[in-house]
Amino acid sequence: MNAAKVSRLIKRLRVHGLIKKVAGSYKYYLTKLGKETIVMALKIKEMVIIPDFNF
């Protein structure tokens, strides 16, 4: 992944409110919405995309 792709990804995450920039630095942190989104995506992945078949 090159620098341009990373920049676009960070911009998209910021626009959607999933991450927020720490003032005066190059660091970012997950917002509450970002954390909830990640948890939900992992649950969906676990339940739908990769179901556990116990036959």
N, C-alpha and C. Protein backbone atom coordinates (compact mmCIF):
# COMPACT_ATOMS: atom_id res chain seq x y z
N MET A 1 0.85 -1.16 0.00
CA MET A 1 0.00 0.00 0.00
C MET A 1 0.91 1.24 0.00
N ASN A 2 0.71 2.11 -0.96
CA ASN A 2 1.57 3.28 -1.05
C ASN A 2 1.00 4.45 -0.25
N ALA A 3 1.77 5.53 -0.14
CA ALA A 3 1.39 6.68 0.69
C ALA A 3 0.08 7.32 0.23
N ALA A 4 -0.16 7.39 -1.06
CA ALA A 4 -1.38 8.00 -1.56
C ALA A 4 -2.61 7.21 -1.13
N LYS A 5 -2.52 5.89 -1.18
CA LYS A 5 -3.65 5.05 -0.76
C LYS A 5 -3.93 5.21 0.73
N VAL A 6 -2.86 5.27 1.52
CA VAL A 6 -3.01 5.43 2.96
C VAL A 6 -3.66 6.78 3.27
N SER A 7 -3.23 7.83 2.59
CA SER A 7 -3.81 9.15 2.79
C SER A 7 -5.29 9.18 2.46
N ARG A 8 -5.67 8.54 1.36
CA ARG A 8 -7.09 8.50 0.98
C ARG A 8 -7.90 7.70 1.99
N LEU A 9 -7.34 6.60 2.48
CA LEU A 9 -8.04 5.79 3.48
C LEU A 9 -8.24 6.57 4.78
N ILE A 10 -7.22 7.26 5.24
CA ILE A 10 -7.33 8.07 6.45
C ILE A 10 -8.38 9.16 6.26
N LYS A 11 -8.36 9.80 5.11
CA LYS A 11 -9.34 10.85 4.81
C LYS A 11 -10.77 10.30 4.88
N ARG A 12 -11.00 9.13 4.28
CA ARG A 12 -12.33 8.52 4.27
C ARG A 12 -12.78 8.17 5.68
N LEU A 13 -11.86 7.62 6.49
CA LEU A 13 -12.20 7.27 7.87
C LEU A 13 -12.54 8.52 8.68
N ARG A 14 -11.81 9.62 8.45
CA ARG A 14 -12.10 10.87 9.15
C ARG A 14 -13.44 11.46 8.72
N VAL A 15 -13.73 11.44 7.42
CA VAL A 15 -14.98 11.99 6.91
C VAL A 15 -16.18 11.24 7.50
N HIS A 16 -16.04 9.95 7.67
CA HIS A 16 -17.13 9.14 8.21
C HIS A 16 -17.17 9.16 9.74
N GLY A 17 -16.22 9.83 10.36
CA GLY A 17 -16.22 9.97 11.80
C GLY A 17 -15.74 8.75 12.56
N LEU A 18 -14.97 7.89 11.89
CA LEU A 18 -14.48 6.68 12.55
C LEU A 18 -13.16 6.89 13.27
N ILE A 19 -12.38 7.87 12.84
CA ILE A 19 -11.14 8.21 13.51
C ILE A 19 -11.09 9.73 13.69
N LYS A 20 -10.26 10.17 14.63
CA LYS A 20 -10.10 11.59 14.88
C LYS A 20 -8.62 11.87 15.10
N LYS A 21 -8.15 13.00 14.61
CA LYS A 21 -6.75 13.37 14.70
C LYS A 21 -6.45 13.95 16.07
N VAL A 22 -5.30 13.57 16.62
CA VAL A 22 -4.82 14.15 17.87
C VAL A 22 -4.19 15.48 17.52
N ALA A 23 -4.63 16.54 18.17
CA ALA A 23 -4.15 17.89 17.87
C ALA A 23 -2.63 18.00 18.07
N GLY A 24 -1.97 18.61 17.10
CA GLY A 24 -0.53 18.86 17.20
C GLY A 24 0.36 17.65 16.97
N SER A 25 -0.19 16.59 16.38
CA SER A 25 0.63 15.41 16.11
C SER A 25 0.15 14.73 14.84
N TYR A 26 0.81 13.65 14.49
CA TYR A 26 0.41 12.86 13.32
C TYR A 26 -0.41 11.65 13.70
N LYS A 27 -0.84 11.59 14.96
CA LYS A 27 -1.55 10.41 15.46
C LYS A 27 -3.05 10.55 15.31
N TYR A 28 -3.72 9.40 15.25
CA TYR A 28 -5.17 9.32 15.17
C TYR A 28 -5.65 8.34 16.22
N TYR A 29 -6.91 8.48 16.62
CA TYR A 29 -7.50 7.50 17.52
C TYR A 29 -8.90 7.17 17.04
N LEU A 30 -9.39 5.99 17.46
CA LEU A 30 -10.73 5.55 17.09
C LEU A 30 -11.75 6.31 17.92
N THR A 31 -12.81 6.75 17.27
CA THR A 31 -13.91 7.37 17.99
C THR A 31 -14.81 6.26 18.53
N LYS A 32 -15.80 6.64 19.30
CA LYS A 32 -16.76 5.65 19.81
C LYS A 32 -17.45 4.95 18.65
N LEU A 33 -17.83 5.73 17.64
CA LEU A 33 -18.47 5.16 16.45
C LEU A 33 -17.52 4.19 15.75
N GLY A 34 -16.24 4.53 15.67
CA GLY A 34 -15.26 3.65 15.04
C GLY A 34 -15.13 2.32 15.76
N LYS A 35 -15.10 2.38 17.10
CA LYS A 35 -15.01 1.15 17.89
C LYS A 35 -16.25 0.28 17.70
N GLU A 36 -17.43 0.92 17.72
CA GLU A 36 -18.68 0.17 17.54
C GLU A 36 -18.74 -0.44 16.15
N THR A 37 -18.25 0.27 15.15
CA THR A 37 -18.25 -0.24 13.78
C THR A 37 -17.35 -1.46 13.65
N ILE A 38 -16.19 -1.41 14.25
CA ILE A 38 -15.26 -2.54 14.19
C ILE A 38 -15.85 -3.76 14.89
N VAL A 39 -16.45 -3.56 16.05
CA VAL A 39 -17.07 -4.68 16.78
C VAL A 39 -18.17 -5.30 15.93
N MET A 40 -19.02 -4.47 15.34
CA MET A 40 -20.12 -4.99 14.53
C MET A 40 -19.59 -5.72 13.29
N ALA A 41 -18.57 -5.18 12.65
CA ALA A 41 -18.00 -5.84 11.47
C ALA A 41 -17.42 -7.20 11.82
N LEU A 42 -16.77 -7.30 12.98
CA LEU A 42 -16.22 -8.59 13.40
C LEU A 42 -17.33 -9.59 13.72
N LYS A 43 -18.42 -9.11 14.33
CA LYS A 43 -19.54 -10.01 14.61
C LYS A 43 -20.17 -10.51 13.31
N ILE A 44 -20.36 -9.61 12.35
CA ILE A 44 -20.93 -10.01 11.06
C ILE A 44 -20.02 -11.01 10.37
N LYS A 45 -18.73 -10.75 10.39
CA LYS A 45 -17.77 -11.68 9.77
C LYS A 45 -17.86 -13.05 10.42
N GLU A 46 -17.93 -13.06 11.73
CA GLU A 46 -17.96 -14.33 12.46
C GLU A 46 -19.26 -15.09 12.22
N MET A 47 -20.37 -14.38 12.15
CA MET A 47 -21.67 -15.05 12.05
C MET A 47 -22.10 -15.33 10.62
N VAL A 48 -21.75 -14.49 9.67
CA VAL A 48 -22.28 -14.61 8.32
C VAL A 48 -21.23 -15.08 7.32
N ILE A 49 -20.12 -14.40 7.29
CA ILE A 49 -19.12 -14.68 6.26
C ILE A 49 -18.40 -15.99 6.52
N ILE A 50 -18.05 -16.24 7.78
CA ILE A 50 -17.34 -17.47 8.14
C ILE A 50 -18.17 -18.20 9.20
N PRO A 51 -19.27 -18.82 8.80
CA PRO A 51 -20.09 -19.51 9.79
C PRO A 51 -19.41 -20.78 10.29
N ASP A 52 -19.75 -21.18 11.48
CA ASP A 52 -19.20 -22.38 12.09
C ASP A 52 -20.18 -23.52 11.87
N PHE A 53 -19.79 -24.47 11.06
CA PHE A 53 -20.64 -25.61 10.77
C PHE A 53 -20.32 -26.77 11.71
N ASN A 54 -21.26 -27.09 12.56
CA ASN A 54 -21.09 -28.21 13.48
C ASN A 54 -22.12 -29.28 13.13
N PHE A 55 -21.72 -30.23 12.32
CA PHE A 55 -22.62 -31.30 11.91
C PHE A 55 -22.29 -32.57 12.62
